[in-house]
């Protein structure tokens, strides 16, 4: 029944089992195999790193056309030679023994696998399926449930394993399956998350199987081999169960320790005795049929004593009768003394039930020809209650209540039984079907032997179980079968009798040893896959590969099962873990079949997704039938492991079915997703975040990603893009490095999305390509997030701000929304928390609701959660500000948004001197930069002069009256001293300027620019006055001018509009509604 046939493996070669197909040849030469199952491209037999001398043979006349390909790809002949010599198990038991030898010269090369179906699959499966439940509990199950219900229990369990075997055969024949059994198949079919979760459940099941076998062996030892060895003895008849459990704990711990020492010292001893254990199982089962046939002619003597229809305990009397004849006298028997307070046979001071009913002796094992199978006691039995007295329904009795003092003289049930409990107890006897797949490395033709051997083994064991149910029900009285305290009635049925005791004892010991040997190796395989980080230590062991630490943990977990001490309590736990494993084997086959991936080509043809689905449903049903609370616990454990592996980020790519299922689901969803814009209710910000990289290809402004992650409440797509200037052929390496750097930063900032880096000859062209081509089908971005071009005034290259404006125009043309976080370095990180403050929205023009939706999404994040939302709108002179405020409040109420509402009145006022001077200064600077080729030092000086003059004028305009009196205030930090040398240099510069330089000084500002600057200045004054202490300010971003000649002025307008604000988010809608009042 344990799922592991011991094949010690010391894997020192770079073997990789996942690389039989789908090899990417371009990467083979430069990759190393670092862990089991971790690589999807490299392979030990597909290496093309041959020496130059060998590759010279390739360059013959026939292959001259493929000289370049043969430098990186192997020839077909070399590929086939390596494929033929490939073995998926590098060291078997014999080679493991040779590895332990000190003399390395005596080691031999591993022999080619030569085991056939019979020795490699069929007999190991028989040994693992037959176990302690058959010998110790099947008779009790038949007596407790009856022949009909027992037949149904066997049918359910065996059907479940048969369906699982069909699914397993399909998976096992879909390519080479290394040793690893169910864990390998599930993990490579359903992915590392399911593989790790079910693998650990499989490990726990195998570990508890060891505990169950040890408990079975101790029960046989203490009850039937050497009962005198019991350490604890019951104080009275009612304390027998507790004393027996304590004996089981003591001897079970001793037995577990001895077995662990044997496994630690050398697995070779376990393998050498495996054939002996198998022979014990087969001889014991054959003796059952021999004894049943013998009972037809000579039934064994096994009398039982009945008081009325109640069964009496055999050990408490010598003669089955109320009186006994001694000489010529009739004297009370020991049975009379048990039920009566007086030894006088005519006394009436006796138990009432004893007086009213007769004592009869019946044959407990009447034999196969007795016909008792048709009786009421055997055919159909009702469930038993705890401490219920066992009765024979066909015997008559006077139904009177007896004394409670005599209760201990009757045989009673020591456990409350039900159909569901019996299913959980019996199911472990149907497990063990993975033994063949575990030995696939030793099979001559695994893809042929595994399906045939496994299915034949399940068929054989099912027939044995069905026939055993019938034989037990036909040979043994039902009242006898229901006595769980003495359930080893096969002693009297079998021929010869001693075979069952010795055979069952050694078979259970052998099964326990194999479980203790297989479970640590399964844990070691999981640990080496490195999908569960905290188990990594259990991947190490001794120098020869023995899993020492895994064996220690296995022993500790098995000890927990030993401490439970009850075979009937451990068996359902074992059933849960194995049923969980079988459930996912069926799920893996069903998923692969339904997906119909090109790689799904199993040689075993007799499978169907409906059979796999039926098997999965039966596994789930049996879990809840046998024990619903154990089922919930087992599923909870698997679920927590799954989420842990998912949280840790399993980086394994095994080409599993769940990835294929995700791909198919994504394809289906994309095809169904409408290509046009979604409904307003389904609108969500699908972000395209444009990042700038520095010279070292690192993200220059990581807070752009932080801001994107804080919008995750939108549940939308996030694409992070960047552009590298150059040629794709020359910059491919930089592209890969940039993508990796961005992905690392996305992981740090917890941004869930995709990354795309393009190479273009010009940055603006690359951004245009990203805006046009990112996304797929209906899953395309609808919002662009772009950084502000800091230092555009001082930049020698005007492409910095021209690229920015070109991107604004591209998003407008594509009807996309645009967000520009200004001063993004001051934005909060994900670790900061605002405990108060406001998010202010300045709603100047309607943009489809973006300005109101964004604060709501930000407030869902823990950084902004405690901030309040304020919405400001601007009223002109002809607007009714009171009514506007009421309408805005009603609108927000219908939008289900909580925010404070304020209407700001902007009165018509004359254009201030500051506005006029600022506009003039802007246009003069623009013209000067166009006509003068200043050096970088002079341009910096001019920028500083502009800043100084702006500070001077600003102070004058803020504090002046209507008469435009200018207050001459000199800046303290930016004073210049004019020496004669500087004056002469300035004159030379002016003499070298164009002739119309002096005309620039007297230029008059354009009136449209004056109006725009007036708006920017007035709005800025209002915004700074109301929102200077806000945590974030959102306002409409005006569109760029249609005439590109005014682009530089547009940048200046935006600077003036956002001046004096710490955090600003400029928002430009995409021209469609994104928020609605309707449900």
Foldseek 3Di string as FASTA:
>chain_A
DQQADDWDADDPDLAEQLAPDDADQQCAAPDGRDFYQFDHHYHPQFHLPDDPVVLVVCCDPVNVVCNVVSNRGPDPVSSVVSVVPDFQGQGTQVQLVVVPDPDVVPHDGDDAFADAQVVQAQLLLLLQLAALCVQAPLLQLLLQFFLVLLLVLLVLLLLLVLLLLLLQLLQCQLGDFAFQFLLSSLCLAAHLLLSLLLLVLSLLLLLLLLLLLLLSLQCLCCPPNCVVPQPFDAPDLVCHVVSLLVSLLVSSLVLLVVLLVVLVVGCSVLNVCPVVLSVLSVVLLVLLVVLQVVLVPPAFADKWKDWQFFTFDPVQFDDQAQWDDDPNDIWGGSVVVLFAVDRPSPDPRGWPQNVFTGMDMDGFFNGQPPPQSPPPSRHGHDWFDALATQGDVVGGGDDDDTDPSSSSRTQGAHHTDDSLLSSLLCSSSLDNLRHSSNSLSNYPDSSPSSSVSSSVSSVVVSVSSSVVSSSSSNGGGSSVSNRSVPNSCSLSRGVPSVSSSVSNSSSSSSSSSSSLSPSLVSLLSSLSLVLQVVSVVQVDDDPSRRRPVSSVVSSVSSSVSSSVSDSSVSSSLSLLSVLSSSLSSLVSSLLCQVLVDVSSDRPSDPHDNVSSVVSNVSSLVSNVSNPVVSNVVSVVSSVVSSVSSVVVPRSGDSVHSNVSVVVVVVVVVLVVQAQDDDDLVLDFAAEEEEFDADPVLATPQLLSLLLVVLLCLSVAAYEYEYEDADDCVVCVVVQVVNLVNVVVSCVVSVPPHYYDYYYYNDRLVVLLCCQPDPDDRNRHGQEYEYEDLPPCLLDPDVVSLVSVQSNLVSSQVVLGKYKYKYLSVPADGLPAADQEFEAEEECEDDQQCPSPVRLVSSCVRRRNVNYAYEYEYEDEPPDDQVVVQVVVVVVCVLLVHDHHYDYHYDYDDDQFPLLQVVLLLLVLVLVCVVQDDDDSVVSVVVVVVVVQVNVQVVVQRVPDDPVSDGDDDGDPPDDDDDDPVNVVVVVVVVVPGDPCNVVSVVDGGDPVLSVLSSVLQSQQVVCCVVCLPGSEYEYEQDRADPDVVCSSSSVVSVCSNCPNHNIYMYIHHSRHHNGDSDD
